[in-house]
Amino acid sequence: MSRRVNRIPVVLDTGNVKELSPEDIKMILRAADMCIMKAGRNMLAKILKGSKDKKVLELKLDECPAYGYYHDMKLADIMHYIDWMIDEDYLRIKYDGRLPLLVFSDEGWEIEKETFAEELYQRFCLDVKEKHARVIFELKEVNRQVVLRVLDKIEAEGTDEFLACLEAWRRMEVKKVAARITDVETTIKNRTNLSE
């Protein structure tokens, strides 16, 4: 006979929040990415607040781009925003045993995937400009869907200056991603040849 697990109940309270701006939605999702299936609403609120909580610092959550985004707000008000995000189905609650953890809804993931890909693309562009490949080493740990979106952006806007970084990245990638990088390199080379 299996033992019943007493789940910690979640009661949403959106306060008087009727709507959030697209920028607020993006930043809450950006911070939530650090919590997916690892933490819940309270930890997300602490990241957005910029808390110096021991656990936040221990888990390096202060390195999140959205850390401190709502530094001037009270935790309780940030929680209303988070609960609104759940209520509007950008985020969902999934239980792991008794603990309620955050997960993305499909819509929330689409927004976060685009936000994260743009952030990585901008960093890749900076690496190209500075002739210093840094971000490619982090991309091994990034969700494959996000990596492929970064490559879409490079393919659409990249120039022949991108080729050295792409080549270095291709050599250290798994077959599927390496094949996509080769396609991107070919597109850039063809575009460069046409413009000459």
C-alpha atoms as a PDB file:
ATOM      1  CA  MET A   1       0.000   0.000   0.000  1.00  0.00           C
ATOM      2  CA  SER A   2       1.490   3.342  -1.040  1.00  0.00           C
ATOM      3  CA  ARG A   3       1.778   6.179   1.420  1.00  0.00           C
ATOM      4  CA  ARG A   4      -0.128   9.325   0.506  1.00  0.00           C
ATOM      5  CA  VAL A   5       2.041  12.413   0.182  1.00  0.00           C
ATOM      6  CA  ASN A   6       0.621  15.575   1.732  1.00  0.00           C
ATOM      7  CA  ARG A   7       1.255  18.223  -0.866  1.00  0.00           C
ATOM      8  CA  ILE A   8       1.937  21.761   0.235  1.00  0.00           C
ATOM      9  CA  PRO A   9      -1.123  23.639  -1.043  1.00  0.00           C
ATOM     10  CA  VAL A  10      -0.719  26.658  -3.336  1.00  0.00           C
ATOM     11  CA  VAL A  11      -3.197  29.509  -2.958  1.00  0.00           C
ATOM     12  CA  LEU A  12      -2.790  32.139  -5.652  1.00  0.00           C
ATOM     13  CA  ASP A  13      -3.324  35.800  -4.778  1.00  0.00           C
ATOM     14  CA  THR A  14      -3.005  38.255  -7.662  1.00  0.00           C
ATOM     15  CA  GLY A  15      -3.889  41.192  -5.411  1.00  0.00           C
ATOM     16  CA  ASN A  16      -5.161  43.976  -7.647  1.00  0.00           C
ATOM     17  CA  VAL A  17      -2.909  43.089 -10.612  1.00  0.00           C
ATOM     18  CA  LYS A  18      -5.017  43.256 -13.771  1.00  0.00           C
ATOM     19  CA  GLU A  19      -2.264  43.266 -16.390  1.00  0.00           C
ATOM     20  CA  LEU A  20       1.532  43.193 -16.732  1.00  0.00           C
ATOM     21  CA  SER A  21       3.586  44.834 -19.457  1.00  0.00           C
ATOM     22  CA  PRO A  22       5.294  42.595 -22.049  1.00  0.00           C
ATOM     23  CA  GLU A  23       8.638  43.609 -20.488  1.00  0.00           C
ATOM     24  CA  ASP A  24       7.464  42.534 -17.004  1.00  0.00           C
ATOM     25  CA  ILE A  25       6.260  39.206 -18.407  1.00  0.00           C
ATOM     26  CA  LYS A  26       9.621  38.633 -20.151  1.00  0.00           C
ATOM     27  CA  MET A  27      11.652  39.450 -17.043  1.00  0.00           C
ATOM     28  CA  ILE A  28       9.557  37.266 -14.721  1.00  0.00           C
ATOM     29  CA  LEU A  29       9.910  34.372 -17.180  1.00  0.00           C
ATOM     30  CA  ARG A  30      13.656  35.076 -17.467  1.00  0.00           C
ATOM     31  CA  ALA A  31      14.010  34.761 -13.685  1.00  0.00           C
ATOM     32  CA  ALA A  32      11.680  31.744 -13.615  1.00  0.00           C
ATOM     33  CA  ASP A  33      14.059  29.890 -15.939  1.00  0.00           C
ATOM     34  CA  MET A  34      16.399  29.558 -12.943  1.00  0.00           C
ATOM     35  CA  CYS A  35      13.613  27.916 -10.897  1.00  0.00           C
ATOM     36  CA  ILE A  36      12.052  25.444 -13.335  1.00  0.00           C
ATOM     37  CA  MET A  37      11.509  22.137 -11.479  1.00  0.00           C
ATOM     38  CA  LYS A  38      13.985  23.323  -8.820  1.00  0.00           C
ATOM     39  CA  ALA A  39      12.155  25.996  -6.841  1.00  0.00           C
ATOM     40  CA  GLY A  40       8.808  27.648  -6.314  1.00  0.00           C
ATOM     41  CA  ARG A  41       7.157  31.032  -6.135  1.00  0.00           C
ATOM     42  CA  ASN A  42       9.037  32.258  -3.047  1.00  0.00           C
ATOM     43  CA  MET A  43      12.463  31.692  -4.601  1.00  0.00           C
ATOM     44  CA  LEU A  44      11.348  33.376  -7.834  1.00  0.00           C
ATOM     45  CA  ALA A  45      10.175  36.395  -5.835  1.00  0.00           C
ATOM     46  CA  LYS A  46      13.567  36.561  -4.075  1.00  0.00           C
ATOM     47  CA  ILE A  47      15.429  36.519  -7.423  1.00  0.00           C
ATOM     48  CA  LEU A  48      13.254  39.320  -8.794  1.00  0.00           C
ATOM     49  CA  LYS A  49      13.671  41.311  -5.567  1.00  0.00           C
ATOM     50  CA  GLY A  50      17.455  40.919  -5.626  1.00  0.00           C
ATOM     51  CA  SER A  51      17.499  39.188  -2.253  1.00  0.00           C
ATOM     52  CA  LYS A  52      20.808  38.489  -0.525  1.00  0.00           C
ATOM     53  CA  ASP A  53      19.237  35.348   0.967  1.00  0.00           C
ATOM     54  CA  LYS A  54      21.876  32.686   1.698  1.00  0.00           C
ATOM     55  CA  LYS A  55      20.184  30.111  -0.585  1.00  0.00           C
ATOM     56  CA  VAL A  56      19.903  32.618  -3.479  1.00  0.00           C
ATOM     57  CA  LEU A  57      23.629  33.375  -3.291  1.00  0.00           C
ATOM     58  CA  GLU A  58      24.598  29.731  -2.687  1.00  0.00           C
ATOM     59  CA  LEU A  59      22.751  28.645  -5.866  1.00  0.00           C
ATOM     60  CA  LYS A  60      24.250  31.624  -7.785  1.00  0.00           C
ATOM     61  CA  LEU A  61      20.763  32.881  -8.621  1.00  0.00           C
ATOM     62  CA  ASP A  62      22.147  36.415  -8.315  1.00  0.00           C
ATOM     63  CA  GLU A  63      23.775  35.778 -11.734  1.00  0.00           C
ATOM     64  CA  CYS A  64      20.348  35.705 -13.393  1.00  0.00           C
ATOM     65  CA  PRO A  65      19.841  38.665 -15.799  1.00  0.00           C
ATOM     66  CA  ALA A  66      16.508  39.426 -14.070  1.00  0.00           C
ATOM     67  CA  TYR A  67      18.032  39.420 -10.554  1.00  0.00           C
ATOM     68  CA  GLY A  68      16.898  42.569  -8.753  1.00  0.00           C
ATOM     69  CA  TYR A  69      14.511  43.626 -11.534  1.00  0.00           C
ATOM     70  CA  TYR A  70      11.938  44.586  -8.881  1.00  0.00           C
ATOM     71  CA  HIS A  71      14.468  45.727  -6.252  1.00  0.00           C
ATOM     72  CA  ASP A  72      12.243  48.633  -5.204  1.00  0.00           C
ATOM     73  CA  MET A  73       9.122  46.496  -4.625  1.00  0.00           C
ATOM     74  CA  LYS A  74       7.949  44.530  -1.587  1.00  0.00           C
ATOM     75  CA  LEU A  75       8.167  40.728  -1.796  1.00  0.00           C
ATOM     76  CA  ALA A  76       4.389  40.485  -1.246  1.00  0.00           C
ATOM     77  CA  ASP A  77       3.732  42.684  -4.309  1.00  0.00           C
ATOM     78  CA  ILE A  78       6.189  40.663  -6.421  1.00  0.00           C
ATOM     79  CA  MET A  79       4.272  37.533  -5.355  1.00  0.00           C
ATOM     80  CA  HIS A  80       1.065  39.099  -6.765  1.00  0.00           C
ATOM     81  CA  TYR A  81       2.848  39.476 -10.120  1.00  0.00           C
ATOM     82  CA  ILE A  82       4.050  35.863 -10.014  1.00  0.00           C
ATOM     83  CA  ASP A  83       0.589  34.611  -9.101  1.00  0.00           C
ATOM     84  CA  TRP A  84      -0.853  36.637 -11.998  1.00  0.00           C
ATOM     85  CA  MET A  85       1.655  34.894 -14.312  1.00  0.00           C
ATOM     86  CA  ILE A  86       0.395  31.518 -13.064  1.00  0.00           C
ATOM     87  CA  ASP A  87      -3.235  32.601 -13.250  1.00  0.00           C
ATOM     88  CA  GLU A  88      -2.709  33.779 -16.865  1.00  0.00           C
ATOM     89  CA  ASP A  89      -0.944  30.474 -17.713  1.00  0.00           C
ATOM     90  CA  TYR A  90       2.557  31.757 -18.459  1.00  0.00           C
ATOM     91  CA  LEU A  91       3.798  29.612 -15.573  1.00  0.00           C
ATOM     92  CA  ARG A  92       2.369  26.515 -13.930  1.00  0.00           C
ATOM     93  CA  ILE A  93       2.814  24.616 -10.687  1.00  0.00           C
ATOM     94  CA  LYS A  94       3.994  21.012 -10.844  1.00  0.00           C
ATOM     95  CA  TYR A  95       4.481  18.887  -7.747  1.00  0.00           C
ATOM     96  CA  ASP A  96       7.604  16.929  -6.975  1.00  0.00           C
ATOM     97  CA  GLY A  97       6.456  14.889  -4.007  1.00  0.00           C
ATOM     98  CA  ARG A  98       5.010  17.456  -1.599  1.00  0.00           C
ATOM     99  CA  LEU A  99       6.763  20.493  -3.071  1.00  0.00           C
ATOM    100  CA  PRO A 100       5.098  22.840  -5.571  1.00  0.00           C
ATOM    101  CA  LEU A 101       7.679  23.749  -8.220  1.00  0.00           C
ATOM    102  CA  LEU A 102       7.451  26.113 -11.176  1.00  0.00           C
ATOM    103  CA  VAL A 103       7.297  25.023 -14.808  1.00  0.00           C
ATOM    104  CA  PHE A 104       6.677  26.954 -18.019  1.00  0.00           C
ATOM    105  CA  SER A 105       3.412  26.727 -19.897  1.00  0.00           C
ATOM    106  CA  ASP A 106       3.853  26.364 -23.675  1.00  0.00           C
ATOM    107  CA  GLU A 107       3.247  30.105 -24.140  1.00  0.00           C
ATOM    108  CA  GLY A 108       5.610  31.019 -21.306  1.00  0.00           C
ATOM    109  CA  TRP A 109       8.339  28.799 -22.770  1.00  0.00           C
ATOM    110  CA  GLU A 110       7.969  30.371 -26.242  1.00  0.00           C
ATOM    111  CA  ILE A 111       8.505  33.847 -24.757  1.00  0.00           C
ATOM    112  CA  GLU A 112      11.448  32.733 -22.583  1.00  0.00           C
ATOM    113  CA  LYS A 113      13.058  30.789 -25.438  1.00  0.00           C
ATOM    114  CA  GLU A 114      13.001  33.935 -27.608  1.00  0.00           C
ATOM    115  CA  THR A 115      14.247  36.209 -24.789  1.00  0.00           C
ATOM    116  CA  PHE A 116      17.106  33.867 -23.846  1.00  0.00           C
ATOM    117  CA  ALA A 117      18.072  33.283 -27.502  1.00  0.00           C
ATOM    118  CA  GLU A 118      18.234  37.049 -28.134  1.00  0.00           C
ATOM    119  CA  GLU A 119      20.393  37.523 -25.023  1.00  0.00           C
ATOM    120  CA  LEU A 120      22.807  34.793 -26.170  1.00  0.00           C
ATOM    121  CA  TYR A 121      22.812  36.137 -29.743  1.00  0.00           C
ATOM    122  CA  GLN A 122      23.801  39.620 -28.488  1.00  0.00           C
ATOM    123  CA  ARG A 123      26.608  38.076 -26.432  1.00  0.00           C
ATOM    124  CA  PHE A 124      27.732  36.051 -29.480  1.00  0.00           C
ATOM    125  CA  CYS A 125      27.814  39.299 -31.526  1.00  0.00           C
ATOM    126  CA  LEU A 126      29.947  40.928 -28.822  1.00  0.00           C
ATOM    127  CA  ASP A 127      32.333  37.952 -28.913  1.00  0.00           C
ATOM    128  CA  VAL A 128      32.607  38.300 -32.700  1.00  0.00           C
ATOM    129  CA  LYS A 129      33.289  42.041 -32.400  1.00  0.00           C
ATOM    130  CA  GLU A 130      35.928  41.503 -29.703  1.00  0.00           C
ATOM    131  CA  LYS A 131      37.358  38.421 -31.499  1.00  0.00           C
ATOM    132  CA  HIS A 132      36.982  36.466 -28.277  1.00  0.00           C
ATOM    133  CA  ALA A 133      34.881  33.265 -28.204  1.00  0.00           C
ATOM    134  CA  ARG A 134      33.344  33.004 -24.730  1.00  0.00           C
ATOM    135  CA  VAL A 135      29.637  32.331 -25.069  1.00  0.00           C
ATOM    136  CA  ILE A 136      30.121  29.185 -27.213  1.00  0.00           C
ATOM    137  CA  PHE A 137      31.445  27.351 -24.140  1.00  0.00           C
ATOM    138  CA  GLU A 138      28.220  28.100 -22.238  1.00  0.00           C
ATOM    139  CA  LEU A 139      25.988  26.964 -25.098  1.00  0.00           C
ATOM    140  CA  LYS A 140      26.703  23.277 -24.328  1.00  0.00           C
ATOM    141  CA  GLU A 141      24.588  23.703 -21.171  1.00  0.00           C
ATOM    142  CA  VAL A 142      21.720  25.571 -22.882  1.00  0.00           C
ATOM    143  CA  ASN A 143      18.446  23.977 -24.005  1.00  0.00           C
ATOM    144  CA  ARG A 144      18.773  22.804 -27.612  1.00  0.00           C
ATOM    145  CA  GLN A 145      15.670  24.754 -28.727  1.00  0.00           C
ATOM    146  CA  VAL A 146      17.281  27.979 -27.511  1.00  0.00           C
ATOM    147  CA  VAL A 147      20.578  27.110 -29.238  1.00  0.00           C
ATOM    148  CA  LEU A 148      18.761  26.519 -32.540  1.00  0.00           C
ATOM    149  CA  ARG A 149      17.004  29.914 -32.202  1.00  0.00           C
ATOM    150  CA  VAL A 150      20.418  31.555 -31.682  1.00  0.00           C
ATOM    151  CA  LEU A 151      21.588  29.892 -34.892  1.00  0.00           C
ATOM    152  CA  ASP A 152      18.474  31.130 -36.730  1.00  0.00           C
ATOM    153  CA  LYS A 153      19.344  34.682 -35.663  1.00  0.00           C
ATOM    154  CA  ILE A 154      22.983  34.275 -36.736  1.00  0.00           C
ATOM    155  CA  GLU A 155      21.848  32.867 -40.073  1.00  0.00           C
ATOM    156  CA  ALA A 156      19.508  35.820 -40.642  1.00  0.00           C
ATOM    157  CA  GLU A 157      21.919  38.596 -39.635  1.00  0.00           C
ATOM    158  CA  GLY A 158      25.448  37.167 -39.513  1.00  0.00           C
ATOM    159  CA  THR A 159      28.312  38.319 -41.705  1.00  0.00           C
ATOM    160  CA  ASP A 160      31.582  36.667 -42.677  1.00  0.00           C
ATOM    161  CA  GLU A 161      33.039  38.076 -39.433  1.00  0.00           C
ATOM    162  CA  PHE A 162      30.953  35.413 -37.640  1.00  0.00           C
ATOM    163  CA  LEU A 163      32.619  32.502 -39.446  1.00  0.00           C
ATOM    164  CA  ALA A 164      35.649  32.062 -37.150  1.00  0.00           C
ATOM    165  CA  CYS A 165      33.429  31.871 -34.038  1.00  0.00           C
ATOM    166  CA  LEU A 166      30.999  29.536 -35.781  1.00  0.00           C
ATOM    167  CA  GLU A 167      33.863  27.261 -36.858  1.00  0.00           C
ATOM    168  CA  ALA A 168      35.210  27.058 -33.283  1.00  0.00           C
ATOM    169  CA  TRP A 169      31.703  26.340 -31.987  1.00  0.00           C
ATOM    170  CA  ARG A 170      31.013  23.669 -34.645  1.00  0.00           C
ATOM    171  CA  ARG A 171      34.126  21.695 -33.678  1.00  0.00           C
ATOM    172  CA  MET A 172      32.927  21.231 -30.100  1.00  0.00           C
ATOM    173  CA  GLU A 173      29.234  20.515 -30.750  1.00  0.00           C
ATOM    174  CA  VAL A 174      27.154  17.348 -31.052  1.00  0.00           C
ATOM    175  CA  LYS A 175      26.331  16.142 -34.584  1.00  0.00           C
ATOM    176  CA  LYS A 176      22.869  17.707 -34.933  1.00  0.00           C
ATOM    177  CA  VAL A 177      23.942  21.164 -33.775  1.00  0.00           C
ATOM    178  CA  ALA A 178      27.214  20.939 -35.738  1.00  0.00           C
ATOM    179  CA  ALA A 179      25.204  20.156 -38.895  1.00  0.00           C
ATOM    180  CA  ARG A 180      23.005  23.218 -38.288  1.00  0.00           C
ATOM    181  CA  ILE A 181      26.110  25.378 -37.749  1.00  0.00           C
ATOM    182  CA  THR A 182      27.469  24.125 -41.103  1.00  0.00           C
ATOM    183  CA  ASP A 183      24.186  25.204 -42.759  1.00  0.00           C
ATOM    184  CA  VAL A 184      24.462  28.647 -41.149  1.00  0.00           C
ATOM    185  CA  GLU A 185      28.091  28.999 -42.297  1.00  0.00           C
ATOM    186  CA  THR A 186      27.053  28.081 -45.858  1.00  0.00           C
ATOM    187  CA  THR A 187      24.226  30.653 -45.841  1.00  0.00           C
ATOM    188  CA  ILE A 188      26.597  33.394 -44.623  1.00  0.00           C
ATOM    189  CA  LYS A 189      29.263  32.460 -47.209  1.00  0.00           C
ATOM    190  CA  ASN A 190      26.690  32.476 -50.020  1.00  0.00           C
ATOM    191  CA  ARG A 191      25.350  35.857 -48.879  1.00  0.00           C
ATOM    192  CA  THR A 192      28.884  37.258 -48.725  1.00  0.00           C
ATOM    193  CA  ASN A 193      29.672  35.926 -52.244  1.00  0.00           C
ATOM    194  CA  LEU A 194      26.494  37.491 -53.649  1.00  0.00           C
ATOM    195  CA  SER A 195      27.300  40.901 -52.214  1.00  0.00           C
ATOM    196  CA  GLU A 196      30.832  40.970 -53.674  1.00  0.00           C
END
